[in-house]
Amino acid sequence: MIVVTRLNGEPLVINSELIELVERTPDTVITLTTGRKLLVRESVEELIRRVLDYKRKIFWYPIPREL
């Protein structure tokens, strides 16, 4: 899940696994796999960073030193 900001300043939490497409048109438009479109304040680059940060957090696990 990542937090994005609607154009009116309201925060919104979305499931990043549902993001199908992100476009810059001059506003950033997120299209979800459900067909829903969201206009957000964040740039395309910022959204990519947030999704990657989220995925790093959920897929990171410590490797034991001794087996």
N, C-alpha and C. Protein backbone atom coordinates (compact mmCIF):
# COMPACT_ATOMS: atom_id res chain seq x y z
N MET A 1 0.85 -1.17 0.00
CA MET A 1 0.00 0.00 0.00
C MET A 1 0.90 1.24 0.00
N ILE A 2 0.52 2.23 -0.78
CA ILE A 2 1.26 3.49 -0.81
C ILE A 2 0.28 4.64 -0.62
N VAL A 3 0.79 5.73 -0.08
CA VAL A 3 -0.02 6.93 0.13
C VAL A 3 0.24 7.88 -1.03
N VAL A 4 -0.86 8.37 -1.63
CA VAL A 4 -0.78 9.37 -2.68
C VAL A 4 -1.67 10.54 -2.27
N THR A 5 -1.56 11.64 -2.97
CA THR A 5 -2.34 12.84 -2.64
C THR A 5 -3.21 13.21 -3.83
N ARG A 6 -4.52 13.27 -3.58
CA ARG A 6 -5.44 13.72 -4.62
C ARG A 6 -5.16 15.19 -4.94
N LEU A 7 -5.67 15.68 -6.03
CA LEU A 7 -5.43 17.07 -6.42
C LEU A 7 -5.99 18.05 -5.39
N ASN A 8 -7.03 17.65 -4.65
CA ASN A 8 -7.61 18.54 -3.64
C ASN A 8 -6.84 18.50 -2.31
N GLY A 9 -5.72 17.75 -2.27
CA GLY A 9 -4.89 17.70 -1.08
C GLY A 9 -5.22 16.55 -0.13
N GLU A 10 -6.25 15.79 -0.43
CA GLU A 10 -6.67 14.69 0.42
C GLU A 10 -5.77 13.47 0.20
N PRO A 11 -5.22 12.90 1.29
CA PRO A 11 -4.39 11.70 1.13
C PRO A 11 -5.26 10.48 0.81
N LEU A 12 -4.69 9.57 0.09
CA LEU A 12 -5.39 8.36 -0.31
C LEU A 12 -4.39 7.21 -0.28
N VAL A 13 -4.79 6.08 0.27
CA VAL A 13 -3.93 4.90 0.31
C VAL A 13 -4.41 3.94 -0.76
N ILE A 14 -3.50 3.53 -1.64
CA ILE A 14 -3.88 2.61 -2.71
C ILE A 14 -3.00 1.36 -2.67
N ASN A 15 -3.55 0.29 -3.17
CA ASN A 15 -2.81 -0.96 -3.29
C ASN A 15 -1.94 -0.86 -4.54
N SER A 16 -0.64 -0.82 -4.34
CA SER A 16 0.26 -0.63 -5.48
C SER A 16 0.25 -1.82 -6.44
N GLU A 17 -0.24 -2.98 -5.98
CA GLU A 17 -0.34 -4.14 -6.85
C GLU A 17 -1.44 -3.95 -7.91
N LEU A 18 -2.34 -3.00 -7.69
CA LEU A 18 -3.44 -2.76 -8.63
C LEU A 18 -3.11 -1.70 -9.67
N ILE A 19 -1.92 -1.11 -9.60
CA ILE A 19 -1.55 -0.08 -10.58
C ILE A 19 -1.22 -0.75 -11.91
N GLU A 20 -1.94 -0.34 -12.93
CA GLU A 20 -1.71 -0.87 -14.27
C GLU A 20 -0.87 0.10 -15.10
N LEU A 21 -1.13 1.41 -14.93
CA LEU A 21 -0.52 2.41 -15.78
C LEU A 21 -0.43 3.73 -15.03
N VAL A 22 0.67 4.45 -15.24
CA VAL A 22 0.83 5.80 -14.68
C VAL A 22 1.20 6.72 -15.84
N GLU A 23 0.43 7.80 -16.00
CA GLU A 23 0.65 8.73 -17.11
C GLU A 23 0.85 10.15 -16.59
N ARG A 24 1.65 10.91 -17.33
CA ARG A 24 1.82 12.34 -17.05
C ARG A 24 1.10 13.10 -18.15
N THR A 25 0.04 13.83 -17.78
CA THR A 25 -0.80 14.44 -18.83
C THR A 25 -1.26 15.85 -18.51
N PRO A 26 -0.76 16.84 -18.17
CA PRO A 26 0.28 17.31 -17.27
C PRO A 26 0.10 16.84 -15.82
N ASP A 27 -1.14 16.52 -15.40
CA ASP A 27 -1.31 15.93 -14.07
C ASP A 27 -0.96 14.45 -14.16
N THR A 28 -0.66 13.86 -13.03
CA THR A 28 -0.35 12.43 -13.00
C THR A 28 -1.64 11.64 -12.85
N VAL A 29 -1.85 10.71 -13.77
CA VAL A 29 -3.05 9.87 -13.77
C VAL A 29 -2.62 8.43 -13.51
N ILE A 30 -3.20 7.82 -12.47
CA ILE A 30 -2.96 6.42 -12.16
C ILE A 30 -4.19 5.64 -12.64
N THR A 31 -3.96 4.63 -13.48
CA THR A 31 -5.04 3.74 -13.90
C THR A 31 -4.85 2.42 -13.17
N LEU A 32 -5.89 1.98 -12.47
CA LEU A 32 -5.84 0.72 -11.74
C LEU A 32 -6.34 -0.42 -12.61
N THR A 33 -6.04 -1.63 -12.25
CA THR A 33 -6.49 -2.79 -13.01
C THR A 33 -8.01 -2.91 -13.01
N THR A 34 -8.67 -2.23 -12.09
CA THR A 34 -10.13 -2.22 -12.02
C THR A 34 -10.73 -1.28 -13.06
N GLY A 35 -9.89 -0.45 -13.71
CA GLY A 35 -10.37 0.53 -14.67
C GLY A 35 -10.52 1.92 -14.06
N ARG A 36 -10.46 2.00 -12.74
CA ARG A 36 -10.59 3.30 -12.06
C ARG A 36 -9.36 4.15 -12.33
N LYS A 37 -9.59 5.45 -12.53
CA LYS A 37 -8.49 6.39 -12.77
C LYS A 37 -8.43 7.38 -11.62
N LEU A 38 -7.21 7.70 -11.18
CA LEU A 38 -7.00 8.63 -10.08
C LEU A 38 -6.06 9.73 -10.52
N LEU A 39 -6.43 10.98 -10.26
CA LEU A 39 -5.54 12.12 -10.50
C LEU A 39 -4.82 12.42 -9.19
N VAL A 40 -3.50 12.48 -9.23
CA VAL A 40 -2.72 12.71 -8.01
C VAL A 40 -1.68 13.80 -8.22
N ARG A 41 -1.20 14.34 -7.10
CA ARG A 41 -0.20 15.41 -7.14
C ARG A 41 1.22 14.91 -7.39
N GLU A 42 1.50 13.68 -6.99
CA GLU A 42 2.86 13.15 -7.10
C GLU A 42 3.28 12.99 -8.56
N SER A 43 4.56 13.11 -8.80
CA SER A 43 5.09 12.91 -10.15
C SER A 43 5.18 11.41 -10.44
N VAL A 44 5.35 11.08 -11.69
CA VAL A 44 5.52 9.68 -12.09
C VAL A 44 6.74 9.10 -11.38
N GLU A 45 7.82 9.86 -11.34
CA GLU A 45 9.06 9.39 -10.71
C GLU A 45 8.86 9.13 -9.21
N GLU A 46 8.11 10.00 -8.55
CA GLU A 46 7.84 9.83 -7.12
C GLU A 46 7.00 8.58 -6.88
N LEU A 47 6.02 8.34 -7.73
CA LEU A 47 5.20 7.13 -7.58
C LEU A 47 6.04 5.87 -7.76
N ILE A 48 6.92 5.87 -8.73
CA ILE A 48 7.81 4.73 -8.94
C ILE A 48 8.65 4.50 -7.70
N ARG A 49 9.20 5.58 -7.13
CA ARG A 49 10.03 5.46 -5.92
C ARG A 49 9.23 4.86 -4.78
N ARG A 50 7.99 5.34 -4.59
CA ARG A 50 7.16 4.84 -3.49
C ARG A 50 6.80 3.37 -3.66
N VAL A 51 6.51 2.97 -4.88
CA VAL A 51 6.18 1.56 -5.13
C VAL A 51 7.41 0.69 -4.87
N LEU A 52 8.56 1.11 -5.36
CA LEU A 52 9.78 0.33 -5.13
C LEU A 52 10.13 0.27 -3.64
N ASP A 53 10.00 1.37 -2.92
CA ASP A 53 10.25 1.37 -1.48
C ASP A 53 9.32 0.40 -0.76
N TYR A 54 8.05 0.42 -1.14
CA TYR A 54 7.07 -0.48 -0.54
C TYR A 54 7.44 -1.94 -0.81
N LYS A 55 7.78 -2.25 -2.04
CA LYS A 55 8.12 -3.62 -2.39
C LYS A 55 9.39 -4.07 -1.67
N ARG A 56 10.35 -3.18 -1.51
CA ARG A 56 11.56 -3.53 -0.76
C ARG A 56 11.22 -3.88 0.69
N LYS A 57 10.29 -3.14 1.27
CA LYS A 57 9.90 -3.39 2.66
C LYS A 57 9.19 -4.72 2.82
N ILE A 58 8.30 -5.07 1.88
CA ILE A 58 7.53 -6.30 2.08
C ILE A 58 8.29 -7.55 1.66
N PHE A 59 9.26 -7.43 0.76
CA PHE A 59 9.99 -8.60 0.31
C PHE A 59 11.35 -8.76 0.97
N TRP A 60 11.75 -7.83 1.81
CA TRP A 60 13.03 -7.93 2.49
C TRP A 60 12.90 -8.87 3.67
N TYR A 61 13.86 -9.72 3.81
CA TYR A 61 13.92 -10.56 5.00
C TYR A 61 15.38 -10.81 5.31
N PRO A 62 15.70 -10.94 6.59
CA PRO A 62 17.10 -11.14 6.96
C PRO A 62 17.59 -12.53 6.57
N ILE A 63 18.80 -12.62 6.12
CA ILE A 63 19.41 -13.89 5.82
C ILE A 63 20.18 -14.33 7.05
N PRO A 64 19.88 -15.52 7.57
CA PRO A 64 20.57 -15.96 8.78
C PRO A 64 22.06 -16.17 8.51
N ARG A 65 22.87 -15.81 9.48
CA ARG A 65 24.33 -15.97 9.32
C ARG A 65 24.73 -17.43 9.43
N GLU A 66 24.03 -18.15 10.28
CA GLU A 66 24.33 -19.57 10.43
C GLU A 66 23.11 -20.40 10.10
N LEU A 67 23.33 -21.46 9.39
CA LEU A 67 22.21 -22.35 9.05
C LEU A 67 22.23 -23.60 9.87
